[in-house]
PDB file of N, CA and C in Angstrom:
ATOM      1  N   MET A   1      80.230 111.645  98.796  1.00  0.00           N
ATOM      2  CA  MET A   1      79.682 111.563 100.123  1.00  0.00           C
ATOM      3  C   MET A   1      80.070 112.819 100.892  1.00  0.00           C
ATOM      4  N   TRP A   2      79.132 113.554 101.332  1.00  0.00           N
ATOM      5  CA  TRP A   2      79.409 114.828 101.976  1.00  0.00           C
ATOM      6  C   TRP A   2      80.009 114.694 103.356  1.00  0.00           C
ATOM      7  N   HIS A   3      79.885 113.541 104.016  1.00  0.00           N
ATOM      8  CA  HIS A   3      80.400 113.404 105.378  1.00  0.00           C
ATOM      9  C   HIS A   3      81.918 113.539 105.456  1.00  0.00           C
ATOM     10  N   ILE A   4      82.617 113.252 104.383  1.00  0.00           N
ATOM     11  CA  ILE A   4      84.072 113.369 104.391  1.00  0.00           C
ATOM     12  C   ILE A   4      84.462 114.832 104.540  1.00  0.00           C
ATOM     13  N   ARG A   5      83.736 115.705 103.908  1.00  0.00           N
ATOM     14  CA  ARG A   5      84.041 117.131 103.988  1.00  0.00           C
ATOM     15  C   ARG A   5      83.550 117.745 105.286  1.00  0.00           C
ATOM     16  N   VAL A   6      82.555 117.146 105.924  1.00  0.00           N
ATOM     17  CA  VAL A   6      81.947 117.769 107.097  1.00  0.00           C
ATOM     18  C   VAL A   6      82.802 117.590 108.345  1.00  0.00           C
ATOM     19  N   ASP A   7      82.994 116.366 108.813  1.00  0.00           N
ATOM     20  CA  ASP A   7      83.740 116.211 110.058  1.00  0.00           C
ATOM     21  C   ASP A   7      85.105 115.558 109.889  1.00  0.00           C
ATOM     22  N   LEU A   8      85.481 115.201 108.684  1.00  0.00           N
ATOM     23  CA  LEU A   8      86.827 114.752 108.331  1.00  0.00           C
ATOM     24  C   LEU A   8      87.315 113.524 109.092  1.00  0.00           C
ATOM     25  N   ASN A   9      86.425 112.656 109.576  1.00  0.00           N
ATOM     26  CA  ASN A   9      86.900 111.479 110.294  1.00  0.00           C
ATOM     27  C   ASN A   9      86.701 110.184 109.516  1.00  0.00           C
ATOM     28  N   ARG A  10      86.256 110.243 108.261  1.00  0.00           N
ATOM     29  CA  ARG A  10      86.167 109.132 107.330  1.00  0.00           C
ATOM     30  C   ARG A  10      85.122 108.084 107.675  1.00  0.00           C
ATOM     31  N   ASP A  11      84.274 108.296 108.663  1.00  0.00           N
ATOM     32  CA  ASP A  11      83.207 107.338 108.919  1.00  0.00           C
ATOM     33  C   ASP A  11      81.862 108.049 108.958  1.00  0.00           C
ATOM     34  N   VAL A  12      80.815 107.292 108.681  1.00  0.00           N
ATOM     35  CA  VAL A  12      79.466 107.855 108.676  1.00  0.00           C
ATOM     36  C   VAL A  12      78.808 107.408 109.975  1.00  0.00           C
ATOM     37  N   ASP A  13      78.571 108.369 110.864  1.00  0.00           N
ATOM     38  CA  ASP A  13      78.031 108.040 112.166  1.00  0.00           C
ATOM     39  C   ASP A  13      77.064 109.117 112.642  1.00  0.00           C
ATOM     40  N   GLY A  14      76.728 109.056 113.912  1.00  0.00           N
ATOM     41  CA  GLY A  14      75.787 110.007 114.492  1.00  0.00           C
ATOM     42  C   GLY A  14      76.279 111.431 114.456  1.00  0.00           C
ATOM     43  N   ARG A  15      77.588 111.617 114.506  1.00  0.00           N
ATOM     44  CA  ARG A  15      78.132 112.979 114.434  1.00  0.00           C
ATOM     45  C   ARG A  15      77.803 113.629 113.095  1.00  0.00           C
ATOM     46  N   ASP A  16      77.830 112.824 112.033  1.00  0.00           N
ATOM     47  CA  ASP A  16      77.470 113.357 110.722  1.00  0.00           C
ATOM     48  C   ASP A  16      76.000 113.755 110.679  1.00  0.00           C
ATOM     49  N   LEU A  17      75.151 112.977 111.353  1.00  0.00           N
ATOM     50  CA  LEU A  17      73.734 113.346 111.426  1.00  0.00           C
ATOM     51  C   LEU A  17      73.569 114.668 112.178  1.00  0.00           C
ATOM     52  N   LEU A  18      74.327 114.826 113.262  1.00  0.00           N
ATOM     53  CA  LEU A  18      74.272 116.082 114.009  1.00  0.00           C
ATOM     54  C   LEU A  18      74.699 117.259 113.139  1.00  0.00           C
ATOM     55  N   GLU A  19      75.754 117.055 112.352  1.00  0.00           N
ATOM     56  CA  GLU A  19      76.189 118.120 111.447  1.00  0.00           C
ATOM     57  C   GLU A  19      75.076 118.489 110.470  1.00  0.00           C
ATOM     58  N   TRP A  20      74.359 117.469 109.965  1.00  0.00           N
ATOM     59  CA  TRP A  20      73.243 117.739 109.058  1.00  0.00           C
ATOM     60  C   TRP A  20      72.153 118.513 109.789  1.00  0.00           C
ATOM     61  N   GLN A  21      71.850 118.105 111.038  1.00  0.00           N
ATOM     62  CA  GLN A  21      70.807 118.782 111.814  1.00  0.00           C
ATOM     63  C   GLN A  21      71.162 120.234 112.108  1.00  0.00           C
ATOM     64  N   LEU A  22      72.454 120.515 112.215  1.00  0.00           N
ATOM     65  CA  LEU A  22      72.901 121.885 112.463  1.00  0.00           C
ATOM     66  C   LEU A  22      73.021 122.709 111.180  1.00  0.00           C
ATOM     67  N   GLY A  23      72.803 122.064 110.037  1.00  0.00           N
ATOM     68  CA  GLY A  23      72.873 122.763 108.752  1.00  0.00           C
ATOM     69  C   GLY A  23      74.274 122.872 108.198  1.00  0.00           C
ATOM     70  N   ASP A  24      75.164 121.974 108.622  1.00  0.00           N
ATOM     71  CA  ASP A  24      76.549 122.023 108.160  1.00  0.00           C
ATOM     72  C   ASP A  24      76.845 121.053 107.030  1.00  0.00           C
ATOM     73  N   SER A  25      75.854 120.688 106.265  1.00  0.00           N
ATOM     74  CA  SER A  25      76.079 119.833 105.100  1.00  0.00           C
ATOM     75  C   SER A  25      76.113 120.722 103.860  1.00  0.00           C
ATOM     76  N   PRO A  26      76.574 120.189 102.724  1.00  0.00           N
ATOM     77  CA  PRO A  26      76.645 121.021 101.513  1.00  0.00           C
ATOM     78  C   PRO A  26      75.307 121.659 101.128  1.00  0.00           C
ATOM     79  N   ASN A  27      74.215 120.925 101.328  1.00  0.00           N
ATOM     80  CA  ASN A  27      72.878 121.471 101.064  1.00  0.00           C
ATOM     81  C   ASN A  27      72.126 121.451 102.388  1.00  0.00           C
ATOM     82  N   PRO A  28      72.261 122.498 103.201  1.00  0.00           N
ATOM     83  CA  PRO A  28      71.714 122.470 104.556  1.00  0.00           C
ATOM     84  C   PRO A  28      70.250 122.034 104.608  1.00  0.00           C
ATOM     85  N   PHE A  29      69.984 121.075 105.499  1.00  0.00           N
ATOM     86  CA  PHE A  29      68.642 120.556 105.796  1.00  0.00           C
ATOM     87  C   PHE A  29      67.958 119.903 104.596  1.00  0.00           C
ATOM     88  N   SER A  30      68.729 119.500 103.596  1.00  0.00           N
ATOM     89  CA  SER A  30      68.115 118.900 102.409  1.00  0.00           C
ATOM     90  C   SER A  30      67.844 117.421 102.637  1.00  0.00           C
ATOM     91  N   SER A  31      66.803 116.938 102.018  1.00  0.00           N
ATOM     92  CA  SER A  31      66.463 115.519 102.129  1.00  0.00           C
ATOM     93  C   SER A  31      67.485 114.656 101.379  1.00  0.00           C
ATOM     94  N   SER A  32      68.144 115.217 100.377  1.00  0.00           N
ATOM     95  CA  SER A  32      69.152 114.433  99.655  1.00  0.00           C
ATOM     96  C   SER A  32      70.375 114.155 100.531  1.00  0.00           C
ATOM     97  N   ASP A  33      70.798 115.141 101.333  1.00  0.00           N
ATOM     98  CA  ASP A  33      71.912 114.914 102.251  1.00  0.00           C
ATOM     99  C   ASP A  33      71.531 113.921 103.342  1.00  0.00           C
ATOM    100  N   LEU A  34      70.296 113.997 103.834  1.00  0.00           N
ATOM    101  CA  LEU A  34      69.830 113.048 104.833  1.00  0.00           C
ATOM    102  C   LEU A  34      69.773 111.638 104.245  1.00  0.00           C
ATOM    103  N   ALA A  35      69.316 111.518 103.021  1.00  0.00           N
ATOM    104  CA  ALA A  35      69.257 110.218 102.360  1.00  0.00           C
ATOM    105  C   ALA A  35      70.668 109.672 102.135  1.00  0.00           C
ATOM    106  N   ASP A  36      71.600 110.540 101.807  1.00  0.00           N
ATOM    107  CA  ASP A  36      72.995 110.129 101.648  1.00  0.00           C
ATOM    108  C   ASP A  36      73.537 109.589 102.971  1.00  0.00           C
ATOM    109  N   TRP A  37      73.245 110.273 104.078  1.00  0.00           N
ATOM    110  CA  TRP A  37      73.680 109.805 105.391  1.00  0.00           C
ATOM    111  C   TRP A  37      73.059 108.439 105.708  1.00  0.00           C
ATOM    112  N   GLU A  38      71.744 108.291 105.466  1.00  0.00           N
ATOM    113  CA  GLU A  38      71.063 107.030 105.755  1.00  0.00           C
ATOM    114  C   GLU A  38      71.632 105.879 104.924  1.00  0.00           C
ATOM    115  N   ALA A  39      71.934 106.140 103.675  1.00  0.00           N
ATOM    116  CA  ALA A  39      72.447 105.087 102.792  1.00  0.00           C
ATOM    117  C   ALA A  39      73.856 104.656 103.177  1.00  0.00           C
ATOM    118  N   ASN A  40      74.632 105.548 103.775  1.00  0.00           N
ATOM    119  CA  ASN A  40      76.027 105.249 104.075  1.00  0.00           C
ATOM    120  C   ASN A  40      76.315 105.092 105.562  1.00  0.00           C
ATOM    121  N   TYR A  41      75.294 105.105 106.416  1.00  0.00           N
ATOM    122  CA  TYR A  41      75.494 104.998 107.858  1.00  0.00           C
ATOM    123  C   TYR A  41      76.270 103.727 108.207  1.00  0.00           C
ATOM    124  N   GLY A  42      77.313 103.870 109.005  1.00  0.00           N
ATOM    125  CA  GLY A  42      78.110 102.731 109.437  1.00  0.00           C
ATOM    126  C   GLY A  42      79.273 102.384 108.539  1.00  0.00           C
ATOM    127  N   THR A  43      79.429 103.069 107.418  1.00  0.00           N
ATOM    128  CA  THR A  43      80.545 102.763 106.525  1.00  0.00           C
ATOM    129  C   THR A  43      81.752 103.615 106.887  1.00  0.00           C
ATOM    130  N   VAL A  44      82.906 103.134 106.488  1.00  0.00           N
ATOM    131  CA  VAL A  44      84.156 103.848 106.702  1.00  0.00           C
ATOM    132  C   VAL A  44      84.826 103.996 105.350  1.00  0.00           C
ATOM    133  N   VAL A  45      85.245 105.189 105.018  1.00  0.00           N
ATOM    134  CA  VAL A  45      85.924 105.451 103.758  1.00  0.00           C
ATOM    135  C   VAL A  45      87.394 105.125 103.951  1.00  0.00           C
ATOM    136  N   SER A  46      87.924 104.203 103.151  1.00  0.00           N
ATOM    137  CA  SER A  46      89.324 103.806 103.297  1.00  0.00           C
ATOM    138  C   SER A  46      90.243 104.814 102.632  1.00  0.00           C
ATOM    139  N   LEU A  47      91.449 104.884 103.154  1.00  0.00           N
ATOM    140  CA  LEU A  47      92.467 105.740 102.571  1.00  0.00           C
ATOM    141  C   LEU A  47      93.210 104.964 101.500  1.00  0.00           C
ATOM    142  N   SER A  48      93.862 105.682 100.615  1.00  0.00           N
ATOM    143  CA  SER A  48      94.688 104.996  99.625  1.00  0.00           C
ATOM    144  C   SER A  48      95.940 104.453 100.316  1.00  0.00           C
ATOM    145  N   ALA A  49      96.577 103.489  99.715  1.00  0.00           N
ATOM    146  CA  ALA A  49      97.740 102.851 100.333  1.00  0.00           C
ATOM    147  C   ALA A  49      98.879 103.836 100.572  1.00  0.00           C
ATOM    148  N   SER A  50      99.046 104.797  99.691  1.00  0.00           N
ATOM    149  CA  SER A  50     100.153 105.733  99.847  1.00  0.00           C
ATOM    150  C   SER A  50      99.936 106.679 101.016  1.00  0.00           C
ATOM    151  N   SER A  51      98.716 107.084 101.283  1.00  0.00           N
ATOM    152  CA  SER A  51      98.483 108.007 102.381  1.00  0.00           C
ATOM    153  C   SER A  51      98.290 107.283 103.698  1.00  0.00           C
ATOM    154  N   ALA A  52      98.017 105.980 103.672  1.00  0.00           N
ATOM    155  CA  ALA A  52      97.799 105.236 104.903  1.00  0.00           C
ATOM    156  C   ALA A  52      99.098 104.717 105.500  1.00  0.00           C
ATOM    157  N   ALA A  53     100.180 104.703 104.736  1.00  0.00           N
ATOM    158  CA  ALA A  53     101.444 104.170 105.233  1.00  0.00           C
ATOM    159  C   ALA A  53     102.134 105.218 106.094  1.00  0.00           C
ATOM    160  N   VAL A  54     101.975 105.074 107.412  1.00  0.00           N
ATOM    161  CA  VAL A  54     102.611 105.987 108.349  1.00  0.00           C
ATOM    162  C   VAL A  54     103.599 105.184 109.168  1.00  0.00           C
ATOM    163  N   PRO A  55     104.857 105.521 109.110  1.00  0.00           N
ATOM    164  CA  PRO A  55     105.827 104.749 109.887  1.00  0.00           C
ATOM    165  C   PRO A  55     105.613 104.961 111.377  1.00  0.00           C
ATOM    166  N   GLU A  56     105.626 103.860 112.125  1.00  0.00           N
ATOM    167  CA  GLU A  56     105.459 103.913 113.567  1.00  0.00           C
ATOM    168  C   GLU A  56     106.837 103.878 114.223  1.00  0.00           C
ATOM    169  N   PRO A  57     106.975 104.521 115.372  1.00  0.00           N
ATOM    170  CA  PRO A  57     108.266 104.463 116.054  1.00  0.00           C
ATOM    171  C   PRO A  57     108.541 103.034 116.522  1.00  0.00           C
ATOM    172  N   THR A  58     109.776 102.650 116.470  1.00  0.00           N
ATOM    173  CA  THR A  58     110.131 101.290 116.869  1.00  0.00           C
ATOM    174  C   THR A  58     110.207 101.197 118.382  1.00  0.00           C
ATOM    175  N   SER A  59     110.148  99.982 118.878  1.00  0.00           N
ATOM    176  CA  SER A  59     110.219  99.761 120.327  1.00  0.00           C
ATOM    177  C   SER A  59     111.539 100.256 120.889  1.00  0.00           C
ATOM    178  N   LEU A  60     112.621 100.055 120.149  1.00  0.00           N
ATOM    179  CA  LEU A  60     113.929 100.499 120.614  1.00  0.00           C
ATOM    180  C   LEU A  60     113.973 102.018 120.772  1.00  0.00           C
ATOM    181  N   ALA A  61     113.419 102.737 119.812  1.00  0.00           N
ATOM    182  CA  ALA A  61     113.416 104.196 119.902  1.00  0.00           C
ATOM    183  C   ALA A  61     112.593 104.654 121.103  1.00  0.00           C
ATOM    184  N   LEU A  62     111.455 104.018 121.350  1.00  0.00           N
ATOM    185  CA  LEU A  62     110.644 104.379 122.510  1.00  0.00           C
ATOM    186  C   LEU A  62     111.351 104.033 123.815  1.00  0.00           C
ATOM    187  N   LEU A  63     112.041 102.909 123.844  1.00  0.00           N
ATOM    188  CA  LEU A  63     112.787 102.516 125.031  1.00  0.00           C
ATOM    189  C   LEU A  63     113.901 103.521 125.320  1.00  0.00           C
ATOM    190  N   CYS A  64     114.622 103.935 124.300  1.00  0.00           N
ATOM    191  CA  CYS A  64     115.681 104.934 124.475  1.00  0.00           C
ATOM    192  C   CYS A  64     115.113 106.262 124.969  1.00  0.00           C
ATOM    193  N   LEU A  65     114.029 106.671 124.402  1.00  0.00           N
ATOM    194  CA  LEU A  65     113.392 107.917 124.823  1.00  0.00           C
ATOM    195  C   LEU A  65     112.951 107.837 126.276  1.00  0.00           C
ATOM    196  N   GLY A  66     112.377 106.702 126.662  1.00  0.00           N
ATOM    197  CA  GLY A  66     111.966 106.511 128.051  1.00  0.00           C
ATOM    198  C   GLY A  66     113.152 106.514 128.998  1.00  0.00           C
ATOM    199  N   GLY A  67     114.263 105.886 128.577  1.00  0.00           N
ATOM    200  CA  GLY A  67     115.471 105.883 129.394  1.00  0.00           C
ATOM    201  C   GLY A  67     116.036 107.281 129.581  1.00  0.00           C
ATOM    202  N   LEU A  68     116.076 108.048 128.523  1.00  0.00           N
ATOM    203  CA  LEU A  68     116.562 109.431 128.630  1.00  0.00           C
ATOM    204  C   LEU A  68     115.676 110.274 129.532  1.00  0.00           C
ATOM    205  N   LEU A  69     114.379 110.075 129.434  1.00  0.00           N
ATOM    206  CA  LEU A  69     113.451 110.817 130.283  1.00  0.00           C
ATOM    207  C   LEU A  69     113.624 110.426 131.745  1.00  0.00           C
ATOM    208  N   ALA A  70     113.774 109.134 132.008  1.00  0.00           N
ATOM    209  CA  ALA A  70     113.978 108.667 133.384  1.00  0.00           C
ATOM    210  C   ALA A  70     115.289 109.207 133.942  1.00  0.00           C
ATOM    211  N   GLN A  71     116.349 109.214 133.129  1.00  0.00           N
ATOM    212  CA  GLN A  71     117.629 109.742 133.576  1.00  0.00           C
ATOM    213  C   GLN A  71     117.516 111.221 133.887  1.00  0.00           C
ATOM    214  N   ARG A  72     116.774 111.916 133.056  1.00  0.00           N
ATOM    215  CA  ARG A  72     116.608 113.361 133.258  1.00  0.00           C
ATOM    216  C   ARG A  72     115.823 113.645 134.534  1.00  0.00           C
ATOM    217  N   LEU A  73     114.788 112.857 134.786  1.00  0.00           N
ATOM    218  CA  LEU A  73     113.951 113.104 135.962  1.00  0.00           C
ATOM    219  C   LEU A  73     114.579 112.600 137.255  1.00  0.00           C
ATOM    220  N   PHE A  74     115.160 111.416 137.233  1.00  0.00           N
ATOM    221  CA  PHE A  74     115.630 110.794 138.463  1.00  0.00           C
ATOM    222  C   PHE A  74     117.148 110.792 138.619  1.00  0.00           C
ATOM    223  N   GLY A  75     117.873 111.077 137.572  1.00  0.00           N
ATOM    224  CA  GLY A  75     119.329 111.043 137.622  1.00  0.00           C
ATOM    225  C   GLY A  75     119.928 112.199 138.414  1.00  0.00           C
ATOM    226  N   SER A  76     119.265 113.326 138.452  1.00  0.00           N
ATOM    227  CA  SER A  76     119.824 114.478 139.149  1.00  0.00           C
ATOM    228  C   SER A  76     119.315 114.589 140.572  1.00  0.00           C
ATOM    229  N   ALA A  77     118.499 113.644 141.018  1.00  0.00           N
ATOM    230  CA  ALA A  77     117.973 113.689 142.373  1.00  0.00           C
ATOM    231  C   ALA A  77     119.095 113.350 143.352  1.00  0.00           C
ATOM    232  N   THR A  78     119.189 114.117 144.391  1.00  0.00           N
ATOM    233  CA  THR A  78     120.201 113.865 145.423  1.00  0.00           C
ATOM    234  C   THR A  78     119.499 113.535 146.715  1.00  0.00           C
ATOM    235  N   THR A  79     120.127 112.717 147.523  1.00  0.00           N
ATOM    236  CA  THR A  79     119.579 112.403 148.831  1.00  0.00           C
ATOM    237  C   THR A  79     120.388 113.110 149.890  1.00  0.00           C
ATOM    238  N   PHE A  80     119.723 113.611 150.862  1.00  0.00           N
ATOM    239  CA  PHE A  80     120.378 114.326 151.951  1.00  0.00           C
ATOM    240  C   PHE A  80     120.377 113.432 153.173  1.00  0.00           C
ATOM    241  N   THR A  81     121.512 113.380 153.857  1.00  0.00           N
ATOM    242  CA  THR A  81     121.597 112.627 155.102  1.00  0.00           C
ATOM    243  C   THR A  81     121.906 113.595 156.244  1.00  0.00           C
ATOM    244  N   ALA A  82     121.376 113.312 157.366  1.00  0.00           N
ATOM    245  CA  ALA A  82     121.569 114.195 158.507  1.00  0.00           C
ATOM    246  C   ALA A  82     122.751 113.799 159.351  1.00  0.00           C
TER     247      ALA A  82
END
């Protein structure tokens, strides 16, 4: 499927048709590339399990990061009294 190489987003959508219209398919303006797009419109190419496993940051790590940022921004603020 040529759409994987064209816009690298793993789905067949209108953007892939635009790429074909602009001549950015392997065989620019060919009816075979257009037929490939029509046959696969709306599909999503899945990733393999090894490449799809991306560790997400834990809530605790995000909470700590937010606390450090808040301390950095608001911890050094001083109030002046007249």
